[in-house]
Amino acid sequence: MTEVTLTALRKDLFRLVDSVLATGEPLVIRRGGRRLTLIAEAPKPALTPEERYDAYMAQGVREGADDWADDIDTNKSHWTWDPDTKFDLGDK
């Protein structure tokens, strides 16, 4: 574990931080008789599509989402579905 003073850290901040990120070795910073430790966070594993969906759904219903349809005037022609012709987008 590398140990430096705050003054030394200030002089070489970017190199020391890059070293912590590259090696994973914590950096101890001394200041006024106290110690502060800089530790690189372990990378989180990538989520599977199912985990992303579950995380999204766990957020719940967005505030105000239950009354959105009251403000929209539509003839619903864009909602027509025919399995033989795929989507019917009307005259658009």
N, C-alpha and C. Protein backbone atom coordinates (compact mmCIF):
# COMPACT_ATOMS: atom_id res chain seq x y z
N MET A 1 0.85 -1.17 0.00
CA MET A 1 0.00 0.00 0.00
C MET A 1 0.90 1.24 0.00
N THR A 2 0.69 2.11 -0.98
CA THR A 2 1.48 3.33 -1.09
C THR A 2 0.93 4.38 -0.13
N GLU A 3 1.84 5.13 0.48
CA GLU A 3 1.43 6.17 1.41
C GLU A 3 2.12 7.47 1.02
N VAL A 4 1.34 8.55 0.91
CA VAL A 4 1.88 9.85 0.52
C VAL A 4 1.27 10.93 1.40
N THR A 5 1.94 12.09 1.43
CA THR A 5 1.36 13.25 2.10
C THR A 5 0.41 13.93 1.12
N LEU A 6 -0.41 14.81 1.63
CA LEU A 6 -1.33 15.54 0.76
C LEU A 6 -0.57 16.43 -0.22
N THR A 7 0.54 16.99 0.22
CA THR A 7 1.36 17.82 -0.67
C THR A 7 1.92 17.00 -1.82
N ALA A 8 2.41 15.79 -1.52
CA ALA A 8 2.93 14.92 -2.57
C ALA A 8 1.81 14.48 -3.51
N LEU A 9 0.64 14.25 -2.97
CA LEU A 9 -0.50 13.89 -3.81
C LEU A 9 -0.83 15.01 -4.77
N ARG A 10 -0.84 16.23 -4.26
CA ARG A 10 -1.17 17.38 -5.10
C ARG A 10 -0.17 17.54 -6.24
N LYS A 11 1.10 17.28 -5.97
CA LYS A 11 2.14 17.42 -6.99
C LYS A 11 2.01 16.38 -8.09
N ASP A 12 1.50 15.18 -7.74
CA ASP A 12 1.49 14.07 -8.70
C ASP A 12 0.14 13.36 -8.72
N LEU A 13 -0.93 14.13 -8.61
CA LEU A 13 -2.27 13.58 -8.46
C LEU A 13 -2.64 12.58 -9.55
N PHE A 14 -2.52 12.97 -10.80
CA PHE A 14 -2.99 12.12 -11.89
C PHE A 14 -2.22 10.81 -12.00
N ARG A 15 -0.90 10.86 -11.80
CA ARG A 15 -0.11 9.62 -11.87
C ARG A 15 -0.50 8.68 -10.73
N LEU A 16 -0.69 9.23 -9.53
CA LEU A 16 -1.04 8.39 -8.38
C LEU A 16 -2.44 7.78 -8.54
N VAL A 17 -3.39 8.56 -9.01
CA VAL A 17 -4.74 8.03 -9.23
C VAL A 17 -4.73 6.98 -10.32
N ASP A 18 -4.00 7.23 -11.41
CA ASP A 18 -3.89 6.23 -12.48
C ASP A 18 -3.27 4.94 -11.95
N SER A 19 -2.31 5.06 -11.04
CA SER A 19 -1.68 3.88 -10.46
C SER A 19 -2.68 3.06 -9.63
N VAL A 20 -3.50 3.75 -8.84
CA VAL A 20 -4.52 3.06 -8.05
C VAL A 20 -5.49 2.33 -8.98
N LEU A 21 -5.91 2.99 -10.05
CA LEU A 21 -6.85 2.37 -10.98
C LEU A 21 -6.22 1.19 -11.72
N ALA A 22 -4.95 1.31 -12.08
CA ALA A 22 -4.28 0.25 -12.85
C ALA A 22 -3.95 -0.97 -12.00
N THR A 23 -3.49 -0.74 -10.78
CA THR A 23 -3.02 -1.86 -9.95
C THR A 23 -4.07 -2.35 -8.95
N GLY A 24 -5.01 -1.48 -8.61
CA GLY A 24 -5.98 -1.85 -7.59
C GLY A 24 -5.45 -1.69 -6.17
N GLU A 25 -4.19 -1.26 -6.06
CA GLU A 25 -3.57 -1.08 -4.74
C GLU A 25 -4.05 0.25 -4.14
N PRO A 26 -4.57 0.23 -2.91
CA PRO A 26 -5.04 1.46 -2.28
C PRO A 26 -3.91 2.47 -2.07
N LEU A 27 -4.27 3.74 -2.04
CA LEU A 27 -3.33 4.82 -1.78
C LEU A 27 -3.74 5.48 -0.47
N VAL A 28 -2.79 5.54 0.48
CA VAL A 28 -3.06 6.17 1.78
C VAL A 28 -2.49 7.58 1.74
N ILE A 29 -3.33 8.54 2.09
CA ILE A 29 -2.94 9.95 2.10
C ILE A 29 -2.90 10.41 3.55
N ARG A 30 -1.74 10.97 3.96
CA ARG A 30 -1.58 11.47 5.33
C ARG A 30 -1.79 12.97 5.35
N ARG A 31 -2.55 13.43 6.36
CA ARG A 31 -2.77 14.86 6.51
C ARG A 31 -3.01 15.16 7.99
N GLY A 32 -2.13 15.89 8.61
CA GLY A 32 -2.31 16.30 10.00
C GLY A 32 -2.48 15.14 10.97
N GLY A 33 -1.71 14.07 10.78
CA GLY A 33 -1.78 12.93 11.68
C GLY A 33 -2.94 11.98 11.40
N ARG A 34 -3.73 12.27 10.40
CA ARG A 34 -4.85 11.39 10.04
C ARG A 34 -4.57 10.77 8.68
N ARG A 35 -5.26 9.69 8.42
CA ARG A 35 -5.05 8.96 7.16
C ARG A 35 -6.37 8.85 6.39
N LEU A 36 -6.24 8.98 5.09
CA LEU A 36 -7.36 8.84 4.17
C LEU A 36 -6.95 7.82 3.13
N THR A 37 -7.81 6.88 2.81
CA THR A 37 -7.46 5.84 1.86
C THR A 37 -8.27 6.00 0.58
N LEU A 38 -7.57 6.02 -0.54
CA LEU A 38 -8.19 6.07 -1.86
C LEU A 38 -8.19 4.66 -2.43
N ILE A 39 -9.38 4.13 -2.67
CA ILE A 39 -9.53 2.75 -3.15
C ILE A 39 -10.33 2.76 -4.44
N ALA A 40 -9.87 2.00 -5.42
CA ALA A 40 -10.61 1.88 -6.69
C ALA A 40 -11.82 0.97 -6.48
N GLU A 41 -12.96 1.40 -6.95
CA GLU A 41 -14.18 0.60 -6.85
C GLU A 41 -14.10 -0.55 -7.85
N ALA A 42 -14.52 -1.72 -7.42
CA ALA A 42 -14.53 -2.88 -8.31
C ALA A 42 -15.58 -2.65 -9.40
N PRO A 43 -15.24 -2.96 -10.65
CA PRO A 43 -16.22 -2.75 -11.72
C PRO A 43 -17.43 -3.66 -11.54
N LYS A 44 -18.59 -3.12 -11.83
CA LYS A 44 -19.81 -3.91 -11.73
C LYS A 44 -19.93 -4.76 -12.98
N PRO A 45 -20.35 -6.01 -12.82
CA PRO A 45 -20.52 -6.85 -14.01
C PRO A 45 -21.67 -6.32 -14.87
N ALA A 46 -21.55 -6.53 -16.17
CA ALA A 46 -22.60 -6.10 -17.09
C ALA A 46 -23.89 -6.87 -16.80
N LEU A 47 -25.00 -6.17 -16.87
CA LEU A 47 -26.28 -6.81 -16.62
C LEU A 47 -26.77 -7.54 -17.87
N THR A 48 -27.44 -8.64 -17.66
CA THR A 48 -28.08 -9.33 -18.77
C THR A 48 -29.32 -8.53 -19.15
N PRO A 49 -29.86 -8.75 -20.34
CA PRO A 49 -31.09 -8.04 -20.71
C PRO A 49 -32.22 -8.25 -19.69
N GLU A 50 -32.30 -9.45 -19.14
CA GLU A 50 -33.35 -9.72 -18.15
C GLU A 50 -33.12 -8.90 -16.88
N GLU A 51 -31.88 -8.79 -16.45
CA GLU A 51 -31.57 -8.02 -15.25
C GLU A 51 -31.84 -6.53 -15.47
N ARG A 52 -31.51 -6.03 -16.68
CA ARG A 52 -31.80 -4.63 -16.99
C ARG A 52 -33.30 -4.37 -16.95
N TYR A 53 -34.07 -5.29 -17.52
CA TYR A 53 -35.53 -5.16 -17.52
C TYR A 53 -36.06 -5.18 -16.09
N ASP A 54 -35.57 -6.12 -15.29
CA ASP A 54 -36.02 -6.21 -13.90
C ASP A 54 -35.69 -4.93 -13.13
N ALA A 55 -34.51 -4.38 -13.36
CA ALA A 55 -34.12 -3.15 -12.68
C ALA A 55 -35.01 -1.99 -13.12
N TYR A 56 -35.33 -1.94 -14.41
CA TYR A 56 -36.21 -0.89 -14.92
C TYR A 56 -37.61 -1.02 -14.32
N MET A 57 -38.13 -2.23 -14.29
CA MET A 57 -39.48 -2.45 -13.77
C MET A 57 -39.54 -2.20 -12.26
N ALA A 58 -38.45 -2.42 -11.56
CA ALA A 58 -38.42 -2.22 -10.11
C ALA A 58 -38.55 -0.75 -9.73
N GLN A 59 -38.34 0.15 -10.70
CA GLN A 59 -38.47 1.58 -10.42
C GLN A 59 -39.93 1.98 -10.20
N GLY A 60 -40.84 1.16 -10.67
CA GLY A 60 -42.26 1.44 -10.47
C GLY A 60 -42.80 2.39 -11.52
N VAL A 61 -44.05 2.75 -11.34
CA VAL A 61 -44.73 3.63 -12.29
C VAL A 61 -44.24 5.05 -12.09
N ARG A 62 -43.96 5.71 -13.19
CA ARG A 62 -43.50 7.09 -13.17
C ARG A 62 -44.62 7.99 -12.63
N GLU A 63 -44.28 8.98 -11.84
CA GLU A 63 -45.28 9.87 -11.28
C GLU A 63 -46.04 10.57 -12.41
N GLY A 64 -47.35 10.51 -12.35
CA GLY A 64 -48.18 11.15 -13.37
C GLY A 64 -48.42 10.28 -14.59
N ALA A 65 -47.87 9.08 -14.64
CA ALA A 65 -48.00 8.23 -15.83
C ALA A 65 -49.40 7.66 -15.97
N ASP A 66 -50.16 7.61 -14.89
CA ASP A 66 -51.49 7.00 -14.97
C ASP A 66 -52.53 7.88 -15.64
N ASP A 67 -52.28 9.17 -15.79
CA ASP A 67 -53.28 10.05 -16.39
C ASP A 67 -52.84 10.64 -17.73
N TRP A 68 -51.82 10.09 -18.36
CA TRP A 68 -51.31 10.66 -19.61
C TRP A 68 -52.32 10.57 -20.73
N ALA A 69 -53.13 9.50 -20.80
CA ALA A 69 -54.04 9.28 -21.92
C ALA A 69 -55.16 10.31 -21.95
N ASP A 70 -55.50 10.93 -20.83
CA ASP A 70 -56.57 11.91 -20.80
C ASP A 70 -56.22 13.16 -21.59
N ASP A 71 -54.95 13.44 -21.75
CA ASP A 71 -54.53 14.66 -22.44
C ASP A 71 -54.30 14.46 -23.93
N ILE A 72 -54.37 13.24 -24.42
CA ILE A 72 -54.05 12.95 -25.81
C ILE A 72 -55.33 12.72 -26.60
N ASP A 73 -55.46 13.44 -27.71
CA ASP A 73 -56.62 13.26 -28.58
C ASP A 73 -56.15 12.46 -29.79
N THR A 74 -56.64 11.25 -29.95
CA THR A 74 -56.22 10.40 -31.05
C THR A 74 -57.41 9.60 -31.56
N ASN A 75 -57.38 9.27 -32.85
CA ASN A 75 -58.44 8.44 -33.41
C ASN A 75 -58.06 6.97 -33.37
N LYS A 76 -56.91 6.66 -32.81
CA LYS A 76 -56.41 5.30 -32.61
C LYS A 76 -56.15 4.55 -33.92
N SER A 77 -56.11 5.24 -35.06
CA SER A 77 -55.87 4.55 -36.33
C SER A 77 -54.47 3.93 -36.36
N HIS A 78 -53.55 4.50 -35.61
CA HIS A 78 -52.20 3.96 -35.59
C HIS A 78 -52.09 2.73 -34.69
N TRP A 79 -53.16 2.33 -34.05
CA TRP A 79 -53.15 1.16 -33.19
C TRP A 79 -53.69 -0.08 -33.88
N THR A 80 -54.11 0.03 -35.12
CA THR A 80 -54.70 -1.10 -35.83
C THR A 80 -53.65 -2.16 -36.12
N TRP A 81 -53.99 -3.42 -35.84
CA TRP A 81 -53.05 -4.52 -36.05
C TRP A 81 -53.73 -5.62 -36.84
N ASP A 82 -53.05 -6.04 -37.89
CA ASP A 82 -53.52 -7.17 -38.68
C ASP A 82 -52.33 -8.10 -38.82
N PRO A 83 -52.40 -9.33 -38.32
CA PRO A 83 -51.23 -10.21 -38.35
C PRO A 83 -50.75 -10.53 -39.76
N ASP A 84 -51.61 -10.41 -40.76
CA ASP A 84 -51.19 -10.70 -42.13
C ASP A 84 -50.45 -9.53 -42.77
N THR A 85 -50.81 -8.32 -42.42
CA THR A 85 -50.18 -7.15 -43.05
C THR A 85 -49.27 -6.39 -42.09
N LYS A 86 -48.99 -6.94 -40.96
CA LYS A 86 -48.14 -6.31 -39.94
C LYS A 86 -48.83 -5.04 -39.43
N PHE A 87 -48.11 -3.94 -39.32
CA PHE A 87 -48.69 -2.72 -38.78
C PHE A 87 -49.44 -1.95 -39.85
N ASP A 88 -50.59 -1.40 -39.48
CA ASP A 88 -51.32 -0.50 -40.36
C ASP A 88 -51.15 0.90 -39.78
N LEU A 89 -50.34 1.70 -40.46
CA LEU A 89 -50.07 3.04 -39.96
C LEU A 89 -51.00 4.06 -40.57
N GLY A 90 -52.06 3.62 -41.20
CA GLY A 90 -53.03 4.55 -41.77
C GLY A 90 -52.48 5.22 -43.01
N ASP A 91 -52.78 6.50 -43.17
CA ASP A 91 -52.38 7.27 -44.36
C ASP A 91 -51.00 7.88 -44.22
N LYS A 92 -50.30 7.60 -43.17
CA LYS A 92 -49.01 8.26 -42.92
C LYS A 92 -47.93 7.74 -43.81
